[in-house]
């Protein structure tokens, strides 16, 4: 049996370096989810290089948060009391541990201009970056730094890019409410707000980098390379600015389908970015209704353990206009 965790011994830690010259303010976060430690490992390696003098900080400011959610990290689980990367924002009266994390990390995010948030995935899939929306003044996620965000994305060292998260999440919430499914937070479009969405709401720009499978030895290497590339790209370290990759796979999340009943079943064991052809059987509802792909595309974030009224899977399509 696991030893109980003494919450009083948990602490929040960030490390900040400032250069002599003015420049951007970057924050790099790891272990927002406690079982996703590649970011922690990548950050730790970079911290060692800075402290040894191998990597000088010449301009601007960079803050590293190796372990964003110390309770989840101590448990080696995705969450402490709940998913930190949903409904993220300051809380007047904290009700759970993640509320305390939010009250610490949100002001820290707001003091910076750029966020690189490092994650990993349960399934064995190649690394990919999650991007925000194009510039807009709409009600869901108004934004004005699309060009800077997408330029940074292309130097991370990955070749798969996905956009459309929060708008699609809000679409799913609207459908969920009309169907009378779900309850509480997951009927609120703001429940889709995590670190990157919060950063954009504060006037900055941000990228979620999914570095690969949780336990893959390559995932910390992806995280480390991305950190070094972003530091150079923002001219914080003075290293040669990395060149943008020339080949990429661009997707847009187009729809989200909720699980309606415990007896809803997938047709097979799906992993994120498994390809779908129009008409492919994805799953079957408890009443026998078949769910088939409406067009060619990809399944994203399939969750075999989803509860009724929660996201079961997302559907993505090719996005050739990603850099327009």
C-alpha atoms as a PDB file:
ATOM      1  CA  UNK A   1       0.000   0.000   0.000  1.00  0.00           C
ATOM      2  CA  UNK A   2       1.316   3.477  -0.878  1.00  0.00           C
ATOM      3  CA  UNK A   3       2.256   5.752   1.993  1.00  0.00           C
ATOM      4  CA  UNK A   4      -0.145   8.683   2.447  1.00  0.00           C
ATOM      5  CA  UNK A   5       1.229  11.954   1.096  1.00  0.00           C
ATOM      6  CA  UNK A   6       1.767  14.735   3.623  1.00  0.00           C
ATOM      7  CA  UNK A   7       0.399  17.783   1.825  1.00  0.00           C
ATOM      8  CA  UNK A   8       2.246  20.074   4.206  1.00  0.00           C
ATOM      9  CA  UNK A   9       5.562  18.837   2.802  1.00  0.00           C
ATOM     10  CA  UNK A  10       4.651  19.675  -0.785  1.00  0.00           C
ATOM     11  CA  UNK A  11       5.957  22.940  -2.175  1.00  0.00           C
ATOM     12  CA  UNK A  12       5.811  25.023  -5.324  1.00  0.00           C
ATOM     13  CA  UNK A  13       9.120  25.753  -7.011  1.00  0.00           C
ATOM     14  CA  UNK A  14      10.130  27.939  -9.912  1.00  0.00           C
ATOM     15  CA  UNK A  15      13.583  29.070 -11.038  1.00  0.00           C
ATOM     16  CA  UNK A  16      14.039  32.378 -12.873  1.00  0.00           C
ATOM     17  CA  UNK A  17      17.031  33.750 -14.771  1.00  0.00           C
ATOM     18  CA  UNK A  18      17.340  37.225 -16.261  1.00  0.00           C
ATOM     19  CA  UNK A  19      19.825  38.417 -18.841  1.00  0.00           C
ATOM     20  CA  UNK A  20      21.514  41.834 -18.918  1.00  0.00           C
ATOM     21  CA  UNK A  21      19.765  42.830 -22.142  1.00  0.00           C
ATOM     22  CA  UNK A  22      16.012  43.306 -22.587  1.00  0.00           C
ATOM     23  CA  UNK A  23      14.107  40.526 -24.265  1.00  0.00           C
ATOM     24  CA  UNK A  24      11.047  38.266 -24.105  1.00  0.00           C
ATOM     25  CA  UNK A  25       9.757  36.675 -20.911  1.00  0.00           C
ATOM     26  CA  UNK A  26       9.461  32.902 -21.326  1.00  0.00           C
ATOM     27  CA  UNK A  27       8.051  30.342 -18.906  1.00  0.00           C
ATOM     28  CA  UNK A  28       8.589  26.586 -19.339  1.00  0.00           C
ATOM     29  CA  UNK A  29       6.387  24.170 -17.388  1.00  0.00           C
ATOM     30  CA  UNK A  30       6.666  20.444 -16.734  1.00  0.00           C
ATOM     31  CA  UNK A  31       4.534  17.885 -14.878  1.00  0.00           C
ATOM     32  CA  UNK A  32       1.230  19.714 -15.128  1.00  0.00           C
ATOM     33  CA  UNK A  33       0.123  16.084 -15.085  1.00  0.00           C
ATOM     34  CA  UNK A  34       2.087  14.108 -12.530  1.00  0.00           C
ATOM     35  CA  UNK A  35       2.777  11.039 -14.665  1.00  0.00           C
ATOM     36  CA  UNK A  36       4.137  13.156 -17.525  1.00  0.00           C
ATOM     37  CA  UNK A  37       7.732  13.669 -16.424  1.00  0.00           C
ATOM     38  CA  UNK A  38       9.595  14.241 -19.696  1.00  0.00           C
ATOM     39  CA  UNK A  39       9.289  17.994 -19.214  1.00  0.00           C
ATOM     40  CA  UNK A  40      10.669  17.732 -15.692  1.00  0.00           C
ATOM     41  CA  UNK A  41      13.665  15.793 -17.012  1.00  0.00           C
ATOM     42  CA  UNK A  42      14.260  18.174 -19.902  1.00  0.00           C
ATOM     43  CA  UNK A  43      14.017  21.211 -17.642  1.00  0.00           C
ATOM     44  CA  UNK A  44      16.379  19.670 -15.090  1.00  0.00           C
ATOM     45  CA  UNK A  45      19.020  19.090 -17.768  1.00  0.00           C
ATOM     46  CA  UNK A  46      18.763  22.669 -19.024  1.00  0.00           C
ATOM     47  CA  UNK A  47      18.966  24.025 -15.458  1.00  0.00           C
ATOM     48  CA  UNK A  48      22.205  22.078 -14.979  1.00  0.00           C
ATOM     49  CA  UNK A  49      23.666  23.590 -18.128  1.00  0.00           C
ATOM     50  CA  UNK A  50      22.730  27.111 -17.051  1.00  0.00           C
ATOM     51  CA  UNK A  51      24.162  26.641 -13.565  1.00  0.00           C
ATOM     52  CA  UNK A  52      27.416  25.189 -14.940  1.00  0.00           C
ATOM     53  CA  UNK A  53      27.865  28.147 -17.262  1.00  0.00           C
ATOM     54  CA  UNK A  54      27.539  26.023 -20.384  1.00  0.00           C
ATOM     55  CA  UNK A  55      24.332  27.800 -21.400  1.00  0.00           C
ATOM     56  CA  UNK A  56      24.399  31.572 -20.768  1.00  0.00           C
ATOM     57  CA  UNK A  57      21.240  33.611 -20.322  1.00  0.00           C
ATOM     58  CA  UNK A  58      22.003  36.835 -22.161  1.00  0.00           C
ATOM     59  CA  UNK A  59      18.681  38.590 -22.674  1.00  0.00           C
ATOM     60  CA  UNK A  60      15.138  38.674 -21.431  1.00  0.00           C
ATOM     61  CA  UNK A  61      13.886  36.351 -18.740  1.00  0.00           C
ATOM     62  CA  UNK A  62      13.141  32.657 -18.457  1.00  0.00           C
ATOM     63  CA  UNK A  63      11.313  30.888 -15.643  1.00  0.00           C
ATOM     64  CA  UNK A  64      11.371  27.109 -15.282  1.00  0.00           C
ATOM     65  CA  UNK A  65       8.735  25.163 -13.371  1.00  0.00           C
ATOM     66  CA  UNK A  66       9.997  21.557 -13.278  1.00  0.00           C
ATOM     67  CA  UNK A  67       6.986  20.230 -11.328  1.00  0.00           C
ATOM     68  CA  UNK A  68       3.826  22.261 -11.763  1.00  0.00           C
ATOM     69  CA  UNK A  69       1.554  19.887  -9.812  1.00  0.00           C
ATOM     70  CA  UNK A  70       3.562  18.425  -6.916  1.00  0.00           C
ATOM     71  CA  UNK A  71       0.709  16.291  -5.546  1.00  0.00           C
ATOM     72  CA  UNK A  72       0.069  14.569  -8.869  1.00  0.00           C
ATOM     73  CA  UNK A  73       3.828  14.169  -9.298  1.00  0.00           C
ATOM     74  CA  UNK A  74       4.182  12.602  -5.843  1.00  0.00           C
ATOM     75  CA  UNK A  75       1.327  10.212  -6.676  1.00  0.00           C
ATOM     76  CA  UNK A  76       2.825   9.507 -10.133  1.00  0.00           C
ATOM     77  CA  UNK A  77      -0.667   9.995 -11.493  1.00  0.00           C
ATOM     78  CA  UNK A  78      -2.268  12.366 -13.969  1.00  0.00           C
ATOM     79  CA  UNK A  79      -4.039  14.360 -11.261  1.00  0.00           C
ATOM     80  CA  UNK A  80      -3.798  15.110  -7.584  1.00  0.00           C
ATOM     81  CA  UNK A  81      -7.460  15.741  -6.773  1.00  0.00           C
ATOM     82  CA  UNK A  82      -8.557  16.666 -10.325  1.00  0.00           C
ATOM     83  CA  UNK A  83      -7.167  17.534 -13.753  1.00  0.00           C
ATOM     84  CA  UNK A  84      -5.204  20.769 -13.373  1.00  0.00           C
ATOM     85  CA  UNK A  85      -5.402  21.412 -17.116  1.00  0.00           C
ATOM     86  CA  UNK A  86      -9.143  22.019 -17.072  1.00  0.00           C
ATOM     87  CA  UNK A  87     -11.008  25.071 -15.763  1.00  0.00           C
ATOM     88  CA  UNK A  88      -7.664  26.707 -14.922  1.00  0.00           C
ATOM     89  CA  UNK A  89      -7.892  30.072 -13.228  1.00  0.00           C
ATOM     90  CA  UNK A  90      -7.436  31.744  -9.828  1.00  0.00           C
ATOM     91  CA  UNK A  91      -9.862  30.541  -7.159  1.00  0.00           C
ATOM     92  CA  UNK A  92     -11.090  32.725  -4.313  1.00  0.00           C
ATOM     93  CA  UNK A  93     -11.860  29.794  -2.016  1.00  0.00           C
ATOM     94  CA  UNK A  94      -9.731  26.749  -2.906  1.00  0.00           C
ATOM     95  CA  UNK A  95     -11.613  23.457  -2.647  1.00  0.00           C
ATOM     96  CA  UNK A  96      -8.923  21.007  -3.756  1.00  0.00           C
ATOM     97  CA  UNK A  97      -5.167  20.838  -4.244  1.00  0.00           C
ATOM     98  CA  UNK A  98      -5.322  21.898  -7.887  1.00  0.00           C
ATOM     99  CA  UNK A  99      -7.077  25.109  -6.815  1.00  0.00           C
ATOM    100  CA  UNK A 100      -3.985  25.924  -4.729  1.00  0.00           C
ATOM    101  CA  UNK A 101      -1.771  25.149  -7.720  1.00  0.00           C
ATOM    102  CA  UNK A 102      -3.887  27.463  -9.870  1.00  0.00           C
ATOM    103  CA  UNK A 103      -3.557  30.319  -7.382  1.00  0.00           C
ATOM    104  CA  UNK A 104       0.224  29.976  -7.655  1.00  0.00           C
ATOM    105  CA  UNK A 105       0.766  29.192 -11.343  1.00  0.00           C
ATOM    106  CA  UNK A 106      -1.778  31.591 -12.877  1.00  0.00           C
ATOM    107  CA  UNK A 107      -0.141  34.813 -11.602  1.00  0.00           C
ATOM    108  CA  UNK A 108       3.218  33.352 -12.638  1.00  0.00           C
ATOM    109  CA  UNK A 109       1.953  32.711 -16.163  1.00  0.00           C
ATOM    110  CA  UNK A 110       0.483  36.194 -16.342  1.00  0.00           C
ATOM    111  CA  UNK A 111       3.883  37.766 -15.603  1.00  0.00           C
ATOM    112  CA  UNK A 112       5.347  36.196 -18.748  1.00  0.00           C
ATOM    113  CA  UNK A 113       4.786  36.612 -22.473  1.00  0.00           C
ATOM    114  CA  UNK A 114       5.458  33.121 -23.863  1.00  0.00           C
ATOM    115  CA  UNK A 115       4.709  29.635 -22.510  1.00  0.00           C
ATOM    116  CA  UNK A 116       6.161  26.271 -23.524  1.00  0.00           C
ATOM    117  CA  UNK A 117       4.145  23.603 -21.717  1.00  0.00           C
ATOM    118  CA  UNK A 118       5.673  20.106 -21.864  1.00  0.00           C
ATOM    119  CA  UNK A 119       3.491  16.990 -21.767  1.00  0.00           C
ATOM    120  CA  UNK A 120       3.483  13.357 -22.870  1.00  0.00           C
ATOM    121  CA  UNK A 121       0.857  10.875 -23.977  1.00  0.00           C
ATOM    122  CA  UNK A 122      -0.436   7.515 -22.795  1.00  0.00           C
ATOM    123  CA  UNK A 123      -0.375   6.060 -26.297  1.00  0.00           C
ATOM    124  CA  UNK A 124       2.797   5.460 -28.271  1.00  0.00           C
ATOM    125  CA  UNK A 125       2.602   8.273 -30.815  1.00  0.00           C
ATOM    126  CA  UNK A 126       5.082  10.703 -32.301  1.00  0.00           C
ATOM    127  CA  UNK A 127       5.575  14.067 -30.650  1.00  0.00           C
ATOM    128  CA  UNK A 128       3.210  16.857 -31.685  1.00  0.00           C
ATOM    129  CA  UNK A 129       2.433  20.466 -30.855  1.00  0.00           C
ATOM    130  CA  UNK A 130      -0.988  21.858 -29.956  1.00  0.00           C
ATOM    131  CA  UNK A 131      -1.536  25.358 -31.327  1.00  0.00           C
ATOM    132  CA  UNK A 132      -3.990  28.077 -30.492  1.00  0.00           C
ATOM    133  CA  UNK A 133      -6.462  29.762 -32.867  1.00  0.00           C
ATOM    134  CA  UNK A 134      -5.811  32.175 -35.697  1.00  0.00           C
ATOM    135  CA  UNK A 135      -6.086  35.836 -34.725  1.00  0.00           C
ATOM    136  CA  UNK A 136      -9.676  36.676 -33.873  1.00  0.00           C
ATOM    137  CA  UNK A 137     -11.894  38.797 -31.644  1.00  0.00           C
ATOM    138  CA  UNK A 138     -14.483  36.097 -30.997  1.00  0.00           C
ATOM    139  CA  UNK A 139     -16.038  35.100 -27.674  1.00  0.00           C
ATOM    140  CA  UNK A 140     -14.320  31.709 -27.233  1.00  0.00           C
ATOM    141  CA  UNK A 141     -10.596  32.464 -27.467  1.00  0.00           C
ATOM    142  CA  UNK A 142      -9.764  35.957 -28.731  1.00  0.00           C
ATOM    143  CA  UNK A 143      -6.132  36.091 -29.817  1.00  0.00           C
ATOM    144  CA  UNK A 144      -3.632  38.378 -31.559  1.00  0.00           C
ATOM    145  CA  UNK A 145      -0.301  36.521 -31.569  1.00  0.00           C
ATOM    146  CA  UNK A 146      -0.990  33.718 -34.034  1.00  0.00           C
ATOM    147  CA  UNK A 147       1.997  34.549 -36.250  1.00  0.00           C
ATOM    148  CA  UNK A 148       4.480  34.533 -33.366  1.00  0.00           C
ATOM    149  CA  UNK A 149       3.029  31.345 -31.912  1.00  0.00           C
ATOM    150  CA  UNK A 150       3.122  29.436 -35.188  1.00  0.00           C
ATOM    151  CA  UNK A 151       6.592  30.666 -36.043  1.00  0.00           C
ATOM    152  CA  UNK A 152       7.821  29.302 -32.722  1.00  0.00           C
ATOM    153  CA  UNK A 153       5.984  26.019 -33.257  1.00  0.00           C
ATOM    154  CA  UNK A 154       7.947  25.310 -36.435  1.00  0.00           C
ATOM    155  CA  UNK A 155      11.331  25.386 -34.658  1.00  0.00           C
ATOM    156  CA  UNK A 156      10.400  22.987 -31.834  1.00  0.00           C
ATOM    157  CA  UNK A 157      11.808  19.973 -33.642  1.00  0.00           C
ATOM    158  CA  UNK A 158       8.490  18.183 -34.319  1.00  0.00           C
ATOM    159  CA  UNK A 159       6.569  17.747 -37.556  1.00  0.00           C
ATOM    160  CA  UNK A 160       2.957  17.236 -36.440  1.00  0.00           C
ATOM    161  CA  UNK A 161       0.782  20.208 -35.470  1.00  0.00           C
ATOM    162  CA  UNK A 162      -2.801  20.231 -34.206  1.00  0.00           C
ATOM    163  CA  UNK A 163      -5.168  23.142 -33.686  1.00  0.00           C
ATOM    164  CA  UNK A 164      -8.833  23.632 -32.851  1.00  0.00           C
ATOM    165  CA  UNK A 165      -8.956  22.473 -29.222  1.00  0.00           C
ATOM    166  CA  UNK A 166     -10.982  25.073 -27.336  1.00  0.00           C
ATOM    167  CA  UNK A 167     -13.446  25.888 -30.111  1.00  0.00           C
ATOM    168  CA  UNK A 168     -14.217  22.204 -30.582  1.00  0.00           C
ATOM    169  CA  UNK A 169     -14.496  21.694 -26.832  1.00  0.00           C
ATOM    170  CA  UNK A 170     -17.060  24.516 -26.653  1.00  0.00           C
ATOM    171  CA  UNK A 171     -18.965  22.900 -29.538  1.00  0.00           C
ATOM    172  CA  UNK A 172     -19.064  19.666 -27.558  1.00  0.00           C
ATOM    173  CA  UNK A 173     -20.307  21.453 -24.446  1.00  0.00           C
ATOM    174  CA  UNK A 174     -23.173  23.012 -26.403  1.00  0.00           C
ATOM    175  CA  UNK A 175     -24.194  19.595 -27.736  1.00  0.00           C
ATOM    176  CA  UNK A 176     -23.786  18.006 -24.282  1.00  0.00           C
ATOM    177  CA  UNK A 177     -26.068  20.554 -22.637  1.00  0.00           C
ATOM    178  CA  UNK A 178     -28.747  20.149 -25.311  1.00  0.00           C
ATOM    179  CA  UNK A 179     -28.635  16.370 -24.832  1.00  0.00           C
ATOM    180  CA  UNK A 180     -28.901  16.673 -21.049  1.00  0.00           C
ATOM    181  CA  UNK A 181     -25.583  14.896 -20.549  1.00  0.00           C
ATOM    182  CA  UNK A 182     -22.850  15.821 -18.124  1.00  0.00           C
ATOM    183  CA  UNK A 183     -23.095  17.981 -15.051  1.00  0.00           C
ATOM    184  CA  UNK A 184     -21.256  20.769 -13.294  1.00  0.00           C
ATOM    185  CA  UNK A 185     -17.965  21.917 -14.787  1.00  0.00           C
ATOM    186  CA  UNK A 186     -18.051  19.864 -17.965  1.00  0.00           C
ATOM    187  CA  UNK A 187     -21.129  21.791 -19.112  1.00  0.00           C
ATOM    188  CA  UNK A 188     -19.100  25.037 -19.026  1.00  0.00           C
ATOM    189  CA  UNK A 189     -16.963  25.940 -22.085  1.00  0.00           C
ATOM    190  CA  UNK A 190     -14.386  27.387 -19.664  1.00  0.00           C
ATOM    191  CA  UNK A 191     -13.743  23.849 -18.449  1.00  0.00           C
ATOM    192  CA  UNK A 192     -11.603  23.426 -21.577  1.00  0.00           C
ATOM    193  CA  UNK A 193      -9.182  26.120 -20.379  1.00  0.00           C
ATOM    194  CA  UNK A 194      -5.745  24.839 -19.383  1.00  0.00           C
ATOM    195  CA  UNK A 195      -2.296  26.380 -19.154  1.00  0.00           C
ATOM    196  CA  UNK A 196      -1.971  27.511 -22.760  1.00  0.00           C
ATOM    197  CA  UNK A 197      -5.519  28.847 -22.991  1.00  0.00           C
ATOM    198  CA  UNK A 198      -5.032  30.765 -19.753  1.00  0.00           C
ATOM    199  CA  UNK A 199      -1.745  32.202 -21.043  1.00  0.00           C
ATOM    200  CA  UNK A 200      -3.463  33.456 -24.190  1.00  0.00           C
ATOM    201  CA  UNK A 201      -6.247  34.988 -22.091  1.00  0.00           C
ATOM    202  CA  UNK A 202      -3.583  37.046 -20.312  1.00  0.00           C
ATOM    203  CA  UNK A 203      -2.213  38.508 -23.537  1.00  0.00           C
ATOM    204  CA  UNK A 204       0.606  36.032 -24.211  1.00  0.00           C
ATOM    205  CA  UNK A 205       1.053  33.099 -26.555  1.00  0.00           C
ATOM    206  CA  UNK A 206       1.677  29.468 -25.766  1.00  0.00           C
ATOM    207  CA  UNK A 207       2.281  25.985 -27.130  1.00  0.00           C
ATOM    208  CA  UNK A 208       1.534  22.604 -25.616  1.00  0.00           C
ATOM    209  CA  UNK A 209       4.188  20.140 -26.749  1.00  0.00           C
ATOM    210  CA  UNK A 210       3.277  16.480 -26.388  1.00  0.00           C
ATOM    211  CA  UNK A 211       6.755  14.952 -26.392  1.00  0.00           C
ATOM    212  CA  UNK A 212       5.824  11.305 -26.983  1.00  0.00           C
ATOM    213  CA  UNK A 213       4.789   8.373 -24.816  1.00  0.00           C
ATOM    214  CA  UNK A 214       5.070   8.796 -21.031  1.00  0.00           C
ATOM    215  CA  UNK A 215       7.870   6.281 -20.476  1.00  0.00           C
ATOM    216  CA  UNK A 216       9.656   6.489 -23.803  1.00  0.00           C
ATOM    217  CA  UNK A 217      13.358   7.346 -23.413  1.00  0.00           C
ATOM    218  CA  UNK A 218      13.021   9.670 -26.404  1.00  0.00           C
ATOM    219  CA  UNK A 219      10.394  11.933 -24.764  1.00  0.00           C
ATOM    220  CA  UNK A 220      12.785  13.796 -22.405  1.00  0.00           C
ATOM    221  CA  UNK A 221      15.101  14.322 -25.394  1.00  0.00           C
ATOM    222  CA  UNK A 222      12.249  15.923 -27.345  1.00  0.00           C
ATOM    223  CA  UNK A 223      11.487  18.179 -24.360  1.00  0.00           C
ATOM    224  CA  UNK A 224      15.143  19.168 -23.942  1.00  0.00           C
ATOM    225  CA  UNK A 225      15.605  19.986 -27.631  1.00  0.00           C
ATOM    226  CA  UNK A 226      12.429  22.062 -27.680  1.00  0.00           C
ATOM    227  CA  UNK A 227      13.533  24.103 -24.654  1.00  0.00           C
ATOM    228  CA  UNK A 228      16.937  24.810 -26.175  1.00  0.00           C
ATOM    229  CA  UNK A 229      15.396  25.703 -29.533  1.00  0.00           C
ATOM    230  CA  UNK A 230      12.873  28.108 -27.980  1.00  0.00           C
ATOM    231  CA  UNK A 231      15.549  29.809 -25.870  1.00  0.00           C
ATOM    232  CA  UNK A 232      17.604  30.361 -29.022  1.00  0.00           C
ATOM    233  CA  UNK A 233      14.572  31.390 -31.096  1.00  0.00           C
ATOM    234  CA  UNK A 234      13.671  34.077 -28.571  1.00  0.00           C
ATOM    235  CA  UNK A 235      17.344  35.216 -28.456  1.00  0.00           C
ATOM    236  CA  UNK A 236      17.493  34.569 -24.723  1.00  0.00           C
ATOM    237  CA  UNK A 237      20.670  32.446 -24.954  1.00  0.00           C
ATOM    238  CA  UNK A 238      22.351  33.982 -27.989  1.00  0.00           C
ATOM    239  CA  UNK A 239      22.753  30.639 -29.749  1.00  0.00           C
ATOM    240  CA  UNK A 240      22.162  30.253 -33.477  1.00  0.00           C
ATOM    241  CA  UNK A 241      18.463  30.608 -34.225  1.00  0.00           C
ATOM    242  CA  UNK A 242      17.080  27.217 -35.296  1.00  0.00           C
ATOM    243  CA  UNK A 243      15.613  26.867 -38.756  1.00  0.00           C
ATOM    244  CA  UNK A 244      11.974  25.934 -39.296  1.00  0.00           C
ATOM    245  CA  UNK A 245      11.305  22.387 -40.414  1.00  0.00           C
ATOM    246  CA  UNK A 246      10.199  21.967 -44.007  1.00  0.00           C
ATOM    247  CA  UNK A 247       7.886  18.971 -43.695  1.00  0.00           C
ATOM    248  CA  UNK A 248       4.881  18.753 -41.430  1.00  0.00           C
ATOM    249  CA  UNK A 249       1.553  17.074 -40.820  1.00  0.00           C
ATOM    250  CA  UNK A 250      -1.133  19.604 -39.996  1.00  0.00           C
ATOM    251  CA  UNK A 251      -4.481  18.658 -38.430  1.00  0.00           C
ATOM    252  CA  UNK A 252      -7.466  20.530 -37.102  1.00  0.00           C
ATOM    253  CA  UNK A 253      -9.693  19.037 -34.423  1.00  0.00           C
ATOM    254  CA  UNK A 254     -13.109  19.188 -36.011  1.00  0.00           C
ATOM    255  CA  UNK A 255     -15.499  17.474 -33.598  1.00  0.00           C
ATOM    256  CA  UNK A 256     -15.778  15.819 -30.201  1.00  0.00           C
ATOM    257  CA  UNK A 257     -18.037  12.887 -29.394  1.00  0.00           C
ATOM    258  CA  UNK A 258     -19.118  12.181 -25.817  1.00  0.00           C
ATOM    259  CA  UNK A 259     -19.669   8.809 -24.273  1.00  0.00           C
ATOM    260  CA  UNK A 260     -23.380   8.564 -23.465  1.00  0.00           C
ATOM    261  CA  UNK A 261     -23.525   5.238 -21.623  1.00  0.00           C
ATOM    262  CA  UNK A 262     -21.177   2.842 -19.853  1.00  0.00           C
ATOM    263  CA  UNK A 263     -21.987   0.255 -22.510  1.00  0.00           C
ATOM    264  CA  UNK A 264     -20.817   2.445 -25.403  1.00  0.00           C
ATOM    265  CA  UNK A 265     -17.899   0.536 -26.914  1.00  0.00           C
ATOM    266  CA  UNK A 266     -15.071   1.267 -29.323  1.00  0.00           C
ATOM    267  CA  UNK A 267     -14.861  -1.009 -32.372  1.00  0.00           C
ATOM    268  CA  UNK A 268     -11.171  -1.589 -31.666  1.00  0.00           C
ATOM    269  CA  UNK A 269      -8.355  -0.327 -29.454  1.00  0.00           C
ATOM    270  CA  UNK A 270      -7.698   3.131 -30.831  1.00  0.00           C
ATOM    271  CA  UNK A 271      -4.639   5.334 -30.363  1.00  0.00           C
ATOM    272  CA  UNK A 272      -4.399   9.037 -31.081  1.00  0.00           C
ATOM    273  CA  UNK A 273      -3.741   9.761 -34.765  1.00  0.00           C
ATOM    274  CA  UNK A 274      -4.907   6.394 -36.011  1.00  0.00           C
ATOM    275  CA  UNK A 275      -6.167   7.169 -39.516  1.00  0.00           C
ATOM    276  CA  UNK A 276      -9.816   6.866 -40.462  1.00  0.00           C
ATOM    277  CA  UNK A 277     -11.436   6.445 -43.848  1.00  0.00           C
ATOM    278  CA  UNK A 278     -14.945   7.735 -44.494  1.00  0.00           C
ATOM    279  CA  UNK A 279     -17.391   5.149 -43.184  1.00  0.00           C
ATOM    280  CA  UNK A 280     -14.942   3.356 -40.870  1.00  0.00           C
ATOM    281  CA  UNK A 281     -16.651   2.008 -37.751  1.00  0.00           C
ATOM    282  CA  UNK A 282     -15.334   3.857 -34.698  1.00  0.00           C
ATOM    283  CA  UNK A 283     -17.659   2.528 -32.026  1.00  0.00           C
ATOM    284  CA  UNK A 284     -21.152   1.382 -31.142  1.00  0.00           C
ATOM    285  CA  UNK A 285     -23.606   2.994 -28.734  1.00  0.00           C
ATOM    286  CA  UNK A 286     -25.327   0.985 -26.027  1.00  0.00           C
ATOM    287  CA  UNK A 287     -28.509   0.952 -28.127  1.00  0.00           C
ATOM    288  CA  UNK A 288     -26.667  -0.486 -31.133  1.00  0.00           C
ATOM    289  CA  UNK A 289     -26.213   2.788 -33.036  1.00  0.00           C
ATOM    290  CA  UNK A 290     -22.979   2.707 -35.010  1.00  0.00           C
ATOM    291  CA  UNK A 291     -20.597   5.678 -35.003  1.00  0.00           C
ATOM    292  CA  UNK A 292     -18.739   5.903 -38.298  1.00  0.00           C
ATOM    293  CA  UNK A 293     -16.209   8.399 -39.627  1.00  0.00           C
ATOM    294  CA  UNK A 294     -17.989  11.194 -41.482  1.00  0.00           C
ATOM    295  CA  UNK A 295     -14.948  11.669 -43.739  1.00  0.00           C
ATOM    296  CA  UNK A 296     -11.295  10.758 -43.981  1.00  0.00           C
ATOM    297  CA  UNK A 297      -9.373  11.923 -40.947  1.00  0.00           C
ATOM    298  CA  UNK A 298      -7.826  10.901 -37.649  1.00  0.00           C
ATOM    299  CA  UNK A 299      -9.088   9.858 -34.238  1.00  0.00           C
ATOM    300  CA  UNK A 300      -7.541  11.938 -31.441  1.00  0.00           C
ATOM    301  CA  UNK A 301      -7.538  11.468 -27.664  1.00  0.00           C
ATOM    302  CA  UNK A 302      -9.707   8.321 -27.548  1.00  0.00           C
ATOM    303  CA  UNK A 303     -10.590   7.563 -23.928  1.00  0.00           C
ATOM    304  CA  UNK A 304     -11.766   4.024 -23.262  1.00  0.00           C
ATOM    305  CA  UNK A 305     -12.350   4.980 -19.625  1.00  0.00           C
ATOM    306  CA  UNK A 306     -14.464   8.068 -20.311  1.00  0.00           C
ATOM    307  CA  UNK A 307     -17.472   8.503 -18.069  1.00  0.00           C
ATOM    308  CA  UNK A 308     -20.929   9.101 -19.575  1.00  0.00           C
ATOM    309  CA  UNK A 309     -21.318  12.787 -20.383  1.00  0.00           C
ATOM    310  CA  UNK A 310     -17.582  13.260 -20.967  1.00  0.00           C
ATOM    311  CA  UNK A 311     -15.380  13.360 -24.083  1.00  0.00           C
ATOM    312  CA  UNK A 312     -15.027   9.909 -25.641  1.00  0.00           C
ATOM    313  CA  UNK A 313     -12.924  10.850 -28.649  1.00  0.00           C
ATOM    314  CA  UNK A 314     -12.090  13.725 -30.961  1.00  0.00           C
ATOM    315  CA  UNK A 315     -12.114  13.685 -34.757  1.00  0.00           C
ATOM    316  CA  UNK A 316      -9.507  15.624 -36.751  1.00  0.00           C
ATOM    317  CA  UNK A 317      -9.178  16.513 -40.421  1.00  0.00           C
ATOM    318  CA  UNK A 318      -6.245  17.648 -42.547  1.00  0.00           C
ATOM    319  CA  UNK A 319      -5.488  21.345 -42.113  1.00  0.00           C
ATOM    320  CA  UNK A 320      -3.546  22.625 -45.159  1.00  0.00           C
ATOM    321  CA  UNK A 321      -4.163  26.256 -44.180  1.00  0.00           C
ATOM    322  CA  UNK A 322      -2.371  25.980 -40.831  1.00  0.00           C
ATOM    323  CA  UNK A 323       0.337  28.523 -41.694  1.00  0.00           C
ATOM    324  CA  UNK A 324      -1.888  30.961 -43.638  1.00  0.00           C
END
